[in-house]
Amino acid sequence: MRSACCSALLALLPLAGCGDTQTHLLPPGSIVNDTIPEPLTRIAGDAGAGADIFVSRDGGHCILCHQVDGLDAPFQGDVGPALTGVGSRLSPGQIRLRIVDYEVFRPGVLMPSYYRTHALYQVSDTNAGQPILPAQSVEDLVAYLSTLKD
């Protein structure tokens, strides 16, 4: 009996060390405290493009949950925090982390991880392995949100 239990345990040991085998888009060490200090791309973010992504249904559609005072948009959400003045409260690296994967900073949050492809649920086969936003769009959003000063 004892050898059967040991055999079963030994058979499971290789599985215990497997961990997450899905691809991570960020290299190890990219997250420092509550920031991703380095841009995801070599091309600087474009604040105008970021503003378009912010309100675009086909882009980030951030406006569905967030609002910005003075933004000319017919509907602004109130599920997430207001982002008016966010550029005065957070550094670009802090904004970047919150867009890339806010769940790293605040587990269980409702905000989608816009630049994560691992440990996701209910992803269609068409979108599996792809982030919601490409790296350049993340940088464009960071540029836009960084301009929102008090």
Protein backbone atom coordinates (compact mmCIF):
# COMPACT_ATOMS: atom_id res chain seq x y z
CA MET A 1 0.00 0.00 0.00
CA ARG A 2 2.76 2.38 0.91
CA SER A 3 4.57 1.88 -2.41
CA ALA A 4 1.34 2.59 -4.34
CA CYS A 5 0.92 5.91 -2.50
CA CYS A 6 4.57 6.79 -3.10
CA SER A 7 4.27 5.91 -6.78
CA ALA A 8 1.19 8.12 -7.15
CA LEU A 9 2.93 11.00 -5.39
CA LEU A 10 6.05 10.64 -7.53
CA ALA A 11 3.90 10.65 -10.65
CA LEU A 12 2.39 14.01 -9.63
CA LEU A 13 5.67 15.71 -8.68
CA PRO A 14 6.65 16.67 -12.23
CA LEU A 15 3.31 18.48 -12.62
CA ALA A 16 3.87 20.53 -9.46
CA GLY A 17 6.90 22.23 -10.96
CA CYS A 18 5.38 23.08 -14.31
CA GLY A 19 3.86 26.42 -13.37
CA ASP A 20 2.54 28.80 -16.00
CA THR A 21 3.68 27.68 -19.45
CA GLN A 22 1.95 30.53 -21.32
CA THR A 23 4.00 33.29 -22.88
CA HIS A 24 4.42 36.49 -20.87
CA LEU A 25 4.73 39.65 -22.97
CA LEU A 26 6.82 41.53 -20.39
CA PRO A 27 10.36 40.35 -19.73
CA PRO A 28 11.14 39.41 -16.11
CA GLY A 29 12.06 42.47 -14.04
CA SER A 30 9.91 44.87 -16.10
CA ILE A 31 7.70 45.68 -13.12
CA VAL A 32 9.45 47.75 -10.46
CA ASN A 33 7.33 48.45 -7.37
CA ASP A 34 4.08 49.86 -8.78
CA THR A 35 5.49 50.83 -12.18
CA ILE A 36 6.67 49.62 -15.53
CA PRO A 37 9.32 52.34 -15.85
CA GLU A 38 10.52 51.49 -19.37
CA PRO A 39 8.31 52.05 -22.43
CA LEU A 40 7.09 48.95 -24.25
CA THR A 41 8.26 50.32 -27.60
CA ARG A 42 11.10 52.43 -28.97
CA ILE A 43 8.62 54.81 -30.57
CA ALA A 44 7.35 57.51 -28.19
CA GLY A 45 3.66 57.49 -27.45
CA ASP A 46 1.41 59.89 -29.37
CA ALA A 47 -1.02 61.67 -27.04
CA GLY A 48 -3.46 62.40 -29.90
CA ALA A 49 -3.59 58.75 -30.87
CA GLY A 50 -3.98 57.87 -27.18
CA ALA A 51 -7.00 60.18 -26.87
CA ASP A 52 -8.57 58.40 -29.85
CA ILE A 53 -7.90 54.99 -28.27
CA PHE A 54 -9.38 56.22 -24.99
CA VAL A 55 -12.76 56.95 -26.58
CA SER A 56 -12.72 54.40 -29.41
CA ARG A 57 -15.04 51.42 -29.20
CA ASP A 58 -12.53 49.49 -31.33
CA GLY A 59 -9.58 50.71 -29.25
CA GLY A 60 -9.32 50.70 -25.49
CA HIS A 61 -12.87 51.95 -24.96
CA CYS A 62 -11.62 53.34 -21.64
CA ILE A 63 -14.45 55.86 -21.61
CA LEU A 64 -16.88 53.02 -20.98
CA CYS A 65 -15.69 52.94 -17.35
CA HIS A 66 -13.77 56.20 -16.81
CA GLN A 67 -14.51 59.89 -17.23
CA VAL A 68 -12.34 62.91 -17.94
CA ASP A 69 -13.63 66.43 -17.28
CA GLY A 70 -13.78 68.52 -20.44
CA LEU A 71 -13.57 65.55 -22.81
CA ASP A 72 -16.03 65.93 -25.68
CA ALA A 73 -17.67 62.51 -25.53
CA PRO A 74 -21.39 61.73 -25.36
CA PHE A 75 -21.11 59.15 -22.58
CA GLN A 76 -18.52 58.71 -19.87
CA GLY A 77 -18.57 55.85 -17.40
CA ASP A 78 -18.36 55.84 -13.65
CA VAL A 79 -17.39 52.24 -12.88
CA GLY A 80 -13.68 53.09 -12.68
CA PRO A 81 -12.07 56.13 -11.10
CA ALA A 82 -12.23 59.52 -12.79
CA LEU A 83 -9.03 60.13 -14.74
CA THR A 84 -9.14 63.93 -14.70
CA GLY A 85 -5.70 65.00 -13.47
CA VAL A 86 -4.26 61.48 -13.51
CA GLY A 87 -1.04 62.81 -15.07
CA SER A 88 -0.50 64.86 -11.90
CA ARG A 89 -1.12 61.90 -9.59
CA LEU A 90 0.73 59.09 -11.37
CA SER A 91 4.01 58.80 -13.26
CA PRO A 92 4.04 57.43 -16.81
CA GLY A 93 5.42 54.15 -15.41
CA GLN A 94 2.54 53.88 -12.93
CA ILE A 95 0.01 54.61 -15.67
CA ARG A 96 1.71 52.02 -17.91
CA LEU A 97 1.39 49.26 -15.28
CA ARG A 98 -2.26 50.04 -14.71
CA ILE A 99 -3.00 49.74 -18.43
CA VAL A 100 -0.81 46.69 -19.02
CA ASP A 101 -2.07 44.63 -16.08
CA TYR A 102 -3.81 46.45 -13.23
CA GLU A 103 -4.41 43.13 -11.53
CA VAL A 104 -0.69 43.00 -10.64
CA PHE A 105 -1.22 46.19 -8.62
CA ARG A 106 -4.74 45.46 -7.35
CA PRO A 107 -5.75 41.77 -7.49
CA GLY A 108 -9.38 41.08 -8.34
CA VAL A 109 -9.95 44.43 -10.08
CA LEU A 110 -12.57 44.55 -12.84
CA MET A 111 -10.36 46.48 -15.28
CA PRO A 112 -9.12 44.32 -18.15
CA SER A 113 -5.41 43.63 -18.54
CA TYR A 114 -4.81 45.32 -21.88
CA TYR A 115 -1.33 43.91 -22.52
CA ARG A 116 -1.45 40.45 -20.98
CA THR A 117 -1.94 37.13 -22.72
CA HIS A 118 -1.38 34.65 -19.88
CA ALA A 119 -3.78 33.47 -17.17
CA LEU A 120 -6.87 34.82 -18.94
CA TYR A 121 -10.29 33.18 -19.03
CA GLN A 122 -13.08 33.07 -21.59
CA VAL A 123 -10.90 34.23 -24.48
CA SER A 124 -12.12 33.31 -27.95
CA ASP A 125 -9.91 31.12 -30.11
CA THR A 126 -9.54 34.04 -32.51
CA ASN A 127 -8.06 36.27 -29.80
CA ALA A 128 -6.10 33.68 -27.81
CA GLY A 129 -2.47 34.65 -27.33
CA GLN A 130 -3.04 38.28 -28.35
CA PRO A 131 -3.23 41.28 -26.03
CA ILE A 132 -6.27 43.55 -26.18
CA LEU A 133 -4.01 46.43 -27.22
CA PRO A 134 -0.64 46.29 -28.99
CA ALA A 135 2.37 47.82 -27.22
CA GLN A 136 2.27 51.04 -29.27
CA SER A 137 -1.36 51.66 -28.33
CA VAL A 138 -0.44 51.23 -24.67
CA GLU A 139 2.31 53.83 -25.10
CA ASP A 140 -0.12 56.17 -26.88
CA LEU A 141 -2.55 55.86 -23.95
CA VAL A 142 0.27 56.52 -21.47
CA ALA A 143 1.20 59.65 -23.43
CA TYR A 144 -2.41 60.88 -23.46
CA LEU A 145 -3.16 60.16 -19.80
CA SER A 146 0.13 61.77 -18.78
CA THR A 147 -1.08 65.04 -20.31
CA LEU A 148 -4.11 65.11 -18.00
CA LYS A 149 -2.80 67.45 -15.34
CA ASP A 150 -4.61 69.33 -12.59
